[in-house]
Amino acid sequence: MLKTIDAVFDGKVFRPKAPPLLEPNTPVRLTFETVLPEAEQTTSFLQAARSLSLEGPADWSAKLETYLYGGEEQHGQ
């Protein structure tokens, strides 16, 4: 029987990503092919924020606390 399973080599043993559905102590012959990890597309916080096209008051950064929590600005807290 020929079956292909995905596994990870941890430095000592191969760890299948899913159960191989074999009885314990079943003899097998392993032939392996290394698989390159899929490229991860990472997005920085600034890229994500810019992509949202948010609009807000011009003094947003200067009065952030007021806009987040309301009321008067509280200096020193």
C-alpha atoms as a PDB file:
ATOM      1  CA  MET A   1       0.000   0.000   0.000  1.00  0.00           C
ATOM      2  CA  LEU A   2       1.311   3.454  -0.900  1.00  0.00           C
ATOM      3  CA  LYS A   3       0.164   6.419   1.166  1.00  0.00           C
ATOM      4  CA  THR A   4       1.468   9.977   1.463  1.00  0.00           C
ATOM      5  CA  ILE A   5       1.292  11.822   4.779  1.00  0.00           C
ATOM      6  CA  ASP A   6       2.616  15.213   5.832  1.00  0.00           C
ATOM      7  CA  ALA A   7       5.013  15.199   8.768  1.00  0.00           C
ATOM      8  CA  VAL A   8       7.560  17.387  10.535  1.00  0.00           C
ATOM      9  CA  PHE A   9      11.032  16.175  11.528  1.00  0.00           C
ATOM     10  CA  ASP A  10      11.771  17.463  15.038  1.00  0.00           C
ATOM     11  CA  GLY A  11      15.472  16.574  14.988  1.00  0.00           C
ATOM     12  CA  LYS A  12      14.953  13.024  16.210  1.00  0.00           C
ATOM     13  CA  VAL A  13      11.678  11.649  14.864  1.00  0.00           C
ATOM     14  CA  PHE A  14       9.102  12.362  12.187  1.00  0.00           C
ATOM     15  CA  ARG A  15       5.838  13.690  13.648  1.00  0.00           C
ATOM     16  CA  PRO A  16       2.828  13.175  11.366  1.00  0.00           C
ATOM     17  CA  LYS A  17       0.493  16.152  11.044  1.00  0.00           C
ATOM     18  CA  ALA A  18      -2.475  13.746  11.115  1.00  0.00           C
ATOM     19  CA  PRO A  19      -2.819  10.166  12.382  1.00  0.00           C
ATOM     20  CA  PRO A  20      -1.509   7.740   9.718  1.00  0.00           C
ATOM     21  CA  LEU A  21      -4.281   5.186  10.441  1.00  0.00           C
ATOM     22  CA  LEU A  22      -1.875   2.273  10.957  1.00  0.00           C
ATOM     23  CA  GLU A  23      -1.888  -0.376  13.623  1.00  0.00           C
ATOM     24  CA  PRO A  24       0.850   0.116  16.244  1.00  0.00           C
ATOM     25  CA  ASN A  25       4.163  -1.576  15.368  1.00  0.00           C
ATOM     26  CA  THR A  26       3.294  -1.792  11.644  1.00  0.00           C
ATOM     27  CA  PRO A  27       6.547  -1.873   9.637  1.00  0.00           C
ATOM     28  CA  VAL A  28       6.765   0.922   7.058  1.00  0.00           C
ATOM     29  CA  ARG A  29       9.350   2.292   4.649  1.00  0.00           C
ATOM     30  CA  LEU A  30       9.727   6.069   4.635  1.00  0.00           C
ATOM     31  CA  THR A  31      10.682   8.035   1.555  1.00  0.00           C
ATOM     32  CA  PHE A  32      10.653  11.743   2.199  1.00  0.00           C
ATOM     33  CA  GLU A  33      10.584  14.907   0.147  1.00  0.00           C
ATOM     34  CA  THR A  34      11.344  18.221   1.814  1.00  0.00           C
ATOM     35  CA  VAL A  35       8.600  20.783   1.360  1.00  0.00           C
ATOM     36  CA  LEU A  36       9.426  24.468   1.397  1.00  0.00           C
ATOM     37  CA  PRO A  37       7.273  26.445   3.821  1.00  0.00           C
ATOM     38  CA  GLU A  38       4.686  28.631   2.164  1.00  0.00           C
ATOM     39  CA  ALA A  39       5.711  32.258   2.063  1.00  0.00           C
ATOM     40  CA  GLU A  40       3.923  34.179   4.763  1.00  0.00           C
ATOM     41  CA  GLN A  41       2.505  37.489   3.749  1.00  0.00           C
ATOM     42  CA  THR A  42       3.095  39.817   6.629  1.00  0.00           C
ATOM     43  CA  THR A  43       1.505  43.208   6.895  1.00  0.00           C
ATOM     44  CA  SER A  44       2.886  45.871   9.155  1.00  0.00           C
ATOM     45  CA  PHE A  45       0.611  47.823  11.455  1.00  0.00           C
ATOM     46  CA  LEU A  46       1.177  50.962   9.385  1.00  0.00           C
ATOM     47  CA  GLN A  47       0.303  49.159   6.138  1.00  0.00           C
ATOM     48  CA  ALA A  48      -2.902  47.873   7.715  1.00  0.00           C
ATOM     49  CA  ALA A  49      -3.797  51.288   9.162  1.00  0.00           C
ATOM     50  CA  ARG A  50      -3.177  53.063   5.849  1.00  0.00           C
ATOM     51  CA  SER A  51      -5.286  50.522   3.979  1.00  0.00           C
ATOM     52  CA  LEU A  52      -8.303  51.378   6.155  1.00  0.00           C
ATOM     53  CA  SER A  53      -8.482  54.921   4.743  1.00  0.00           C
ATOM     54  CA  LEU A  54      -9.695  56.260   8.082  1.00  0.00           C
ATOM     55  CA  GLU A  55     -10.668  59.884   8.415  1.00  0.00           C
ATOM     56  CA  GLY A  56     -10.549  61.892  11.585  1.00  0.00           C
ATOM     57  CA  PRO A  57      -9.933  65.350  12.992  1.00  0.00           C
ATOM     58  CA  ALA A  58      -6.627  67.031  12.180  1.00  0.00           C
ATOM     59  CA  ASP A  59      -5.702  67.177  15.889  1.00  0.00           C
ATOM     60  CA  TRP A  60      -6.360  63.475  16.463  1.00  0.00           C
ATOM     61  CA  SER A  61      -2.862  62.632  17.697  1.00  0.00           C
ATOM     62  CA  ALA A  62      -2.625  65.722  19.907  1.00  0.00           C
ATOM     63  CA  LYS A  63      -5.990  65.076  21.597  1.00  0.00           C
ATOM     64  CA  LEU A  64      -6.069  61.279  21.511  1.00  0.00           C
ATOM     65  CA  GLU A  65      -7.107  60.907  25.172  1.00  0.00           C
ATOM     66  CA  THR A  66     -10.016  63.302  24.690  1.00  0.00           C
ATOM     67  CA  TYR A  67     -11.254  61.462  21.605  1.00  0.00           C
ATOM     68  CA  LEU A  68     -10.849  58.040  23.244  1.00  0.00           C
ATOM     69  CA  TYR A  69     -12.288  58.801  26.670  1.00  0.00           C
ATOM     70  CA  GLY A  70     -14.199  62.046  26.192  1.00  0.00           C
ATOM     71  CA  GLY A  71     -14.254  65.104  28.446  1.00  0.00           C
ATOM     72  CA  GLU A  72     -11.472  67.560  28.941  1.00  0.00           C
ATOM     73  CA  GLU A  73      -7.832  66.673  28.419  1.00  0.00           C
ATOM     74  CA  GLN A  74      -6.287  65.526  31.671  1.00  0.00           C
ATOM     75  CA  HIS A  75      -2.631  66.485  31.777  1.00  0.00           C
ATOM     76  CA  GLY A  76      -0.324  64.573  34.098  1.00  0.00           C
ATOM     77  CA  GLN A  77      -2.488  61.454  34.392  1.00  0.00           C
END
